[in-house]
């Protein structure tokens, strides 16, 4: 499953508690006719560069009923070329 980022533009929203949440537009290729757009949270000054990404293993967790799920507060993207690189010896 590939994640596509097309722009380094970061949007900022202020929560009801006054916290700033920074996000960037991305899309996941699910194999359907069109990719599914979503927002990925980023630090204010560290957007993802345009390109293709995979989900980092740390994005997954086991839910309260034992099933695998994405952790919505810990989405991290790995550039495809780094995800494919051989492990260091």
C-alpha atoms as a PDB file:
ATOM      1  CA  UNK A   1       0.000   0.000   0.000  1.00  0.00           C
ATOM      2  CA  UNK A   2       1.666   3.208  -1.152  1.00  0.00           C
ATOM      3  CA  UNK A   3       1.201   6.685   0.270  1.00  0.00           C
ATOM      4  CA  UNK A   4       1.594   9.620  -2.129  1.00  0.00           C
ATOM      5  CA  UNK A   5       2.589  13.135  -1.098  1.00  0.00           C
ATOM      6  CA  UNK A   6       2.392  15.803  -3.801  1.00  0.00           C
ATOM      7  CA  UNK A   7       3.148  19.022  -1.913  1.00  0.00           C
ATOM      8  CA  UNK A   8       5.090  20.213   1.132  1.00  0.00           C
ATOM      9  CA  UNK A   9       2.237  22.599   2.040  1.00  0.00           C
ATOM     10  CA  UNK A  10       1.304  22.325   5.730  1.00  0.00           C
ATOM     11  CA  UNK A  11      -2.112  23.337   7.070  1.00  0.00           C
ATOM     12  CA  UNK A  12      -2.539  24.461  10.666  1.00  0.00           C
ATOM     13  CA  UNK A  13      -5.727  24.161  12.700  1.00  0.00           C
ATOM     14  CA  UNK A  14      -6.279  25.334  16.261  1.00  0.00           C
ATOM     15  CA  UNK A  15      -8.133  22.902  18.531  1.00  0.00           C
ATOM     16  CA  UNK A  16     -10.816  23.958  20.993  1.00  0.00           C
ATOM     17  CA  UNK A  17      -8.126  23.741  23.704  1.00  0.00           C
ATOM     18  CA  UNK A  18      -5.923  26.189  21.799  1.00  0.00           C
ATOM     19  CA  UNK A  19      -3.368  23.667  20.534  1.00  0.00           C
ATOM     20  CA  UNK A  20      -1.988  23.948  17.002  1.00  0.00           C
ATOM     21  CA  UNK A  21      -2.271  20.804  14.862  1.00  0.00           C
ATOM     22  CA  UNK A  22      -0.183  20.774  11.683  1.00  0.00           C
ATOM     23  CA  UNK A  23      -1.107  18.425   8.842  1.00  0.00           C
ATOM     24  CA  UNK A  24      -0.193  17.691   5.262  1.00  0.00           C
ATOM     25  CA  UNK A  25      -2.308  16.308   2.428  1.00  0.00           C
ATOM     26  CA  UNK A  26      -1.529  12.763   1.296  1.00  0.00           C
ATOM     27  CA  UNK A  27      -3.314   9.908  -0.462  1.00  0.00           C
ATOM     28  CA  UNK A  28      -3.217   6.142  -0.190  1.00  0.00           C
ATOM     29  CA  UNK A  29      -3.390   3.948  -3.273  1.00  0.00           C
ATOM     30  CA  UNK A  30      -5.896   1.238  -2.314  1.00  0.00           C
ATOM     31  CA  UNK A  31      -6.026  -0.249  -5.803  1.00  0.00           C
ATOM     32  CA  UNK A  32      -9.345   1.424  -6.646  1.00  0.00           C
ATOM     33  CA  UNK A  33      -9.798   3.818  -9.568  1.00  0.00           C
ATOM     34  CA  UNK A  34      -8.820   6.843  -7.455  1.00  0.00           C
ATOM     35  CA  UNK A  35      -6.491   7.240  -4.469  1.00  0.00           C
ATOM     36  CA  UNK A  36      -8.046   7.960  -1.058  1.00  0.00           C
ATOM     37  CA  UNK A  37      -7.038  11.407   0.245  1.00  0.00           C
ATOM     38  CA  UNK A  38      -6.281  11.922   3.933  1.00  0.00           C
ATOM     39  CA  UNK A  39      -4.282  14.182   6.277  1.00  0.00           C
ATOM     40  CA  UNK A  40      -1.103  13.127   8.026  1.00  0.00           C
ATOM     41  CA  UNK A  41       0.005  15.069  11.101  1.00  0.00           C
ATOM     42  CA  UNK A  42       3.466  16.638  10.887  1.00  0.00           C
ATOM     43  CA  UNK A  43       5.647  18.885  12.989  1.00  0.00           C
ATOM     44  CA  UNK A  44       5.256  22.504  11.933  1.00  0.00           C
ATOM     45  CA  UNK A  45       8.582  22.851  10.126  1.00  0.00           C
ATOM     46  CA  UNK A  46       9.121  19.259   8.930  1.00  0.00           C
ATOM     47  CA  UNK A  47       6.709  18.388   6.118  1.00  0.00           C
ATOM     48  CA  UNK A  48       7.201  15.263   4.032  1.00  0.00           C
ATOM     49  CA  UNK A  49       8.767  15.919   0.637  1.00  0.00           C
ATOM     50  CA  UNK A  50       6.726  15.037  -2.469  1.00  0.00           C
ATOM     51  CA  UNK A  51       7.129  11.367  -3.327  1.00  0.00           C
ATOM     52  CA  UNK A  52       6.060   7.814  -2.495  1.00  0.00           C
ATOM     53  CA  UNK A  53       6.059   6.422   1.030  1.00  0.00           C
ATOM     54  CA  UNK A  54       5.264   3.283   3.006  1.00  0.00           C
ATOM     55  CA  UNK A  55       3.814   3.204   6.500  1.00  0.00           C
ATOM     56  CA  UNK A  56       6.399   2.767   9.258  1.00  0.00           C
ATOM     57  CA  UNK A  57       5.960  -0.395  11.380  1.00  0.00           C
ATOM     58  CA  UNK A  58       5.438   1.852  14.426  1.00  0.00           C
ATOM     59  CA  UNK A  59       2.101   2.998  12.896  1.00  0.00           C
ATOM     60  CA  UNK A  60       0.462  -0.267  13.883  1.00  0.00           C
ATOM     61  CA  UNK A  61      -0.808  -1.404  17.253  1.00  0.00           C
ATOM     62  CA  UNK A  62      -2.957  -4.145  18.706  1.00  0.00           C
ATOM     63  CA  UNK A  63      -6.420  -2.901  19.633  1.00  0.00           C
ATOM     64  CA  UNK A  64      -8.282  -3.648  22.836  1.00  0.00           C
ATOM     65  CA  UNK A  65      -9.908  -6.728  21.255  1.00  0.00           C
ATOM     66  CA  UNK A  66      -6.606  -8.118  19.937  1.00  0.00           C
ATOM     67  CA  UNK A  67      -6.953  -6.977  16.315  1.00  0.00           C
ATOM     68  CA  UNK A  68      -4.356  -5.084  14.318  1.00  0.00           C
ATOM     69  CA  UNK A  69      -5.118  -1.402  13.746  1.00  0.00           C
ATOM     70  CA  UNK A  70      -3.453   1.841  12.728  1.00  0.00           C
ATOM     71  CA  UNK A  71      -2.540   4.157  15.580  1.00  0.00           C
ATOM     72  CA  UNK A  72      -4.120   7.462  14.448  1.00  0.00           C
ATOM     73  CA  UNK A  73      -1.760   9.474  16.674  1.00  0.00           C
ATOM     74  CA  UNK A  74       1.425   7.804  15.436  1.00  0.00           C
ATOM     75  CA  UNK A  75       1.295   7.824  11.621  1.00  0.00           C
ATOM     76  CA  UNK A  76       4.843   7.943  10.260  1.00  0.00           C
ATOM     77  CA  UNK A  77       5.891   7.641   6.642  1.00  0.00           C
ATOM     78  CA  UNK A  78       9.088   6.082   5.282  1.00  0.00           C
ATOM     79  CA  UNK A  79      10.304   7.066   1.786  1.00  0.00           C
ATOM     80  CA  UNK A  80      10.028   4.046  -0.521  1.00  0.00           C
ATOM     81  CA  UNK A  81      13.749   4.050  -1.321  1.00  0.00           C
ATOM     82  CA  UNK A  82      14.605   3.843   2.427  1.00  0.00           C
ATOM     83  CA  UNK A  83      11.977   1.165   3.046  1.00  0.00           C
ATOM     84  CA  UNK A  84      13.596  -1.030   0.390  1.00  0.00           C
ATOM     85  CA  UNK A  85      17.205  -0.449   1.482  1.00  0.00           C
ATOM     86  CA  UNK A  86      18.963  -3.561   2.846  1.00  0.00           C
ATOM     87  CA  UNK A  87      19.510  -3.671   6.601  1.00  0.00           C
ATOM     88  CA  UNK A  88      22.960  -2.621   7.802  1.00  0.00           C
ATOM     89  CA  UNK A  89      25.225  -5.388   9.055  1.00  0.00           C
END
